[in-house]
Amino acid sequence: MKKLQERLCRLAIWKDTHGQDLVEYALAAGLVAVAAVACMPGLSGTVNTVFSKIGTIINNSVH
C-alpha cells in the first residue's frame, strides 16, 4: 500500500502544471533574444546606410 501511495504522489507531481507558463515565457524570451543578437550584425549595416541616406537628403535640402 505504501508503494502505491508513493507512486500516486510521483504521478501527481508530474501532472502539476503550476509555474509551467513562466518557464515557457522565459524560454520564448530567450529565443527572441538569441534571434535578435544573431540578426544585429546584418541589420546594423542596413540601418546605417538608411540613416546616412536620410542625413544626406536633409543636408542637401538645408544647404
N, C-alpha and C. Protein backbone atom coordinates (compact mmCIF):
# COMPACT_ATOMS: atom_id res chain seq x y z
N MET A 1 0.82 -1.20 0.00
CA MET A 1 0.00 0.00 0.00
C MET A 1 0.86 1.26 0.00
N LYS A 2 1.96 1.22 0.74
CA LYS A 2 2.83 2.38 0.83
C LYS A 2 3.47 2.68 -0.53
N LYS A 3 3.85 1.63 -1.26
CA LYS A 3 4.43 1.83 -2.60
C LYS A 3 3.42 2.46 -3.54
N LEU A 4 2.17 2.05 -3.42
CA LEU A 4 1.12 2.61 -4.26
C LEU A 4 0.93 4.10 -3.97
N GLN A 5 0.95 4.48 -2.71
CA GLN A 5 0.81 5.88 -2.33
C GLN A 5 2.00 6.70 -2.86
N GLU A 6 3.20 6.15 -2.75
CA GLU A 6 4.38 6.86 -3.26
C GLU A 6 4.29 7.04 -4.77
N ARG A 7 3.82 6.01 -5.44
CA ARG A 7 3.70 6.09 -6.89
C ARG A 7 2.65 7.13 -7.30
N LEU A 8 1.54 7.15 -6.60
CA LEU A 8 0.50 8.15 -6.88
C LEU A 8 1.01 9.56 -6.61
N CYS A 9 1.80 9.72 -5.58
CA CYS A 9 2.37 11.03 -5.26
C CYS A 9 3.29 11.49 -6.38
N ARG A 10 4.11 10.58 -6.90
CA ARG A 10 5.01 10.93 -8.01
C ARG A 10 4.22 11.30 -9.26
N LEU A 11 3.16 10.58 -9.52
CA LEU A 11 2.33 10.90 -10.68
C LEU A 11 1.68 12.26 -10.53
N ALA A 12 1.26 12.60 -9.33
CA ALA A 12 0.64 13.89 -9.08
C ALA A 12 1.64 15.02 -9.31
N ILE A 13 2.91 14.79 -9.00
CA ILE A 13 3.93 15.82 -9.23
C ILE A 13 4.10 16.06 -10.72
N TRP A 14 4.10 14.99 -11.52
CA TRP A 14 4.28 15.16 -12.97
C TRP A 14 3.09 15.86 -13.62
N LYS A 15 1.91 15.71 -13.03
CA LYS A 15 0.72 16.36 -13.59
C LYS A 15 0.57 17.80 -13.13
N ASP A 16 1.33 18.20 -12.14
CA ASP A 16 1.25 19.57 -11.63
C ASP A 16 1.83 20.53 -12.67
N THR A 17 1.04 21.50 -13.09
CA THR A 17 1.49 22.43 -14.13
C THR A 17 1.70 23.85 -13.61
N HIS A 18 1.70 24.05 -12.30
CA HIS A 18 1.93 25.39 -11.75
C HIS A 18 3.34 25.83 -12.09
N GLY A 19 3.47 27.03 -12.59
CA GLY A 19 4.78 27.56 -12.92
C GLY A 19 5.23 27.21 -14.33
N GLN A 20 4.47 26.39 -15.01
CA GLN A 20 4.85 25.98 -16.36
C GLN A 20 4.83 27.16 -17.32
N ASP A 21 3.85 28.04 -17.21
CA ASP A 21 3.76 29.18 -18.10
C ASP A 21 4.98 30.08 -17.97
N LEU A 22 5.44 30.28 -16.76
CA LEU A 22 6.61 31.13 -16.53
C LEU A 22 7.83 30.57 -17.25
N VAL A 23 8.02 29.27 -17.19
CA VAL A 23 9.15 28.65 -17.87
C VAL A 23 9.01 28.79 -19.37
N GLU A 24 7.82 28.61 -19.89
CA GLU A 24 7.60 28.75 -21.33
C GLU A 24 7.86 30.18 -21.79
N TYR A 25 7.41 31.16 -21.02
CA TYR A 25 7.66 32.56 -21.38
C TYR A 25 9.15 32.88 -21.31
N ALA A 26 9.84 32.34 -20.34
CA ALA A 26 11.27 32.57 -20.22
C ALA A 26 12.01 31.97 -21.41
N LEU A 27 11.63 30.77 -21.81
CA LEU A 27 12.25 30.15 -22.98
C LEU A 27 11.96 30.94 -24.25
N ALA A 28 10.75 31.42 -24.40
CA ALA A 28 10.39 32.22 -25.58
C ALA A 28 11.18 33.52 -25.59
N ALA A 29 11.30 34.18 -24.45
CA ALA A 29 12.07 35.43 -24.38
C ALA A 29 13.54 35.17 -24.70
N GLY A 30 14.06 34.07 -24.21
CA GLY A 30 15.45 33.72 -24.52
C GLY A 30 15.65 33.47 -25.99
N LEU A 31 14.70 32.81 -26.62
CA LEU A 31 14.79 32.55 -28.06
C LEU A 31 14.74 33.85 -28.86
N VAL A 32 13.86 34.76 -28.47
CA VAL A 32 13.78 36.06 -29.14
C VAL A 32 15.08 36.83 -28.96
N ALA A 33 15.66 36.79 -27.78
CA ALA A 33 16.92 37.49 -27.52
C ALA A 33 18.04 36.93 -28.38
N VAL A 34 18.13 35.61 -28.48
CA VAL A 34 19.17 34.99 -29.30
C VAL A 34 18.98 35.34 -30.77
N ALA A 35 17.74 35.32 -31.24
CA ALA A 35 17.46 35.67 -32.63
C ALA A 35 17.81 37.13 -32.91
N ALA A 36 17.51 38.02 -31.97
CA ALA A 36 17.82 39.43 -32.14
C ALA A 36 19.32 39.66 -32.22
N VAL A 37 20.06 38.99 -31.34
CA VAL A 37 21.52 39.13 -31.36
C VAL A 37 22.09 38.57 -32.65
N ALA A 38 21.53 37.48 -33.14
CA ALA A 38 22.01 36.87 -34.38
C ALA A 38 21.75 37.77 -35.58
N CYS A 39 20.66 38.55 -35.57
CA CYS A 39 20.31 39.41 -36.70
C CYS A 39 21.00 40.77 -36.66
N MET A 40 21.51 41.18 -35.53
CA MET A 40 22.06 42.53 -35.39
C MET A 40 23.20 42.85 -36.36
N PRO A 41 24.18 41.99 -36.55
CA PRO A 41 25.27 42.37 -37.46
C PRO A 41 24.78 42.68 -38.88
N GLY A 42 23.86 41.88 -39.38
CA GLY A 42 23.34 42.11 -40.73
C GLY A 42 22.47 43.35 -40.81
N LEU A 43 21.69 43.60 -39.79
CA LEU A 43 20.80 44.76 -39.80
C LEU A 43 21.52 46.08 -39.53
N SER A 44 22.62 46.03 -38.81
CA SER A 44 23.29 47.28 -38.45
C SER A 44 23.82 47.99 -39.68
N GLY A 45 24.33 47.24 -40.64
CA GLY A 45 24.81 47.86 -41.88
C GLY A 45 23.67 48.50 -42.66
N THR A 46 22.56 47.82 -42.73
CA THR A 46 21.39 48.34 -43.45
C THR A 46 20.86 49.59 -42.78
N VAL A 47 20.72 49.56 -41.47
CA VAL A 47 20.22 50.72 -40.73
C VAL A 47 21.18 51.89 -40.89
N ASN A 48 22.46 51.63 -40.84
CA ASN A 48 23.46 52.68 -41.01
C ASN A 48 23.35 53.31 -42.40
N THR A 49 23.16 52.49 -43.42
CA THR A 49 23.00 53.01 -44.78
C THR A 49 21.76 53.88 -44.91
N VAL A 50 20.66 53.43 -44.35
CA VAL A 50 19.41 54.19 -44.43
C VAL A 50 19.56 55.54 -43.75
N PHE A 51 20.14 55.57 -42.54
CA PHE A 51 20.29 56.84 -41.84
C PHE A 51 21.30 57.75 -42.53
N SER A 52 22.30 57.18 -43.16
CA SER A 52 23.26 58.01 -43.92
C SER A 52 22.56 58.67 -45.10
N LYS A 53 21.73 57.92 -45.79
CA LYS A 53 20.99 58.49 -46.92
C LYS A 53 20.03 59.59 -46.45
N ILE A 54 19.36 59.35 -45.35
CA ILE A 54 18.45 60.37 -44.81
C ILE A 54 19.23 61.62 -44.43
N GLY A 55 20.39 61.44 -43.79
CA GLY A 55 21.23 62.58 -43.42
C GLY A 55 21.69 63.36 -44.63
N THR A 56 22.05 62.65 -45.70
CA THR A 56 22.49 63.31 -46.93
C THR A 56 21.35 64.12 -47.54
N ILE A 57 20.17 63.54 -47.58
CA ILE A 57 19.00 64.24 -48.15
C ILE A 57 18.70 65.49 -47.34
N ILE A 58 18.75 65.40 -46.02
CA ILE A 58 18.48 66.56 -45.18
C ILE A 58 19.53 67.64 -45.38
N ASN A 59 20.80 67.25 -45.43
CA ASN A 59 21.87 68.23 -45.65
C ASN A 59 21.73 68.92 -47.01
N ASN A 60 21.37 68.17 -48.04
CA ASN A 60 21.20 68.77 -49.36
C ASN A 60 19.99 69.69 -49.41
N SER A 61 18.96 69.39 -48.64
CA SER A 61 17.77 70.23 -48.62
C SER A 61 18.01 71.54 -47.85
N VAL A 62 18.84 71.47 -46.82
CA VAL A 62 19.08 72.64 -45.99
C VAL A 62 20.04 73.61 -46.68
N HIS A 63 21.05 73.09 -47.33
CA HIS A 63 22.05 73.97 -47.96
C HIS A 63 21.64 74.30 -49.33
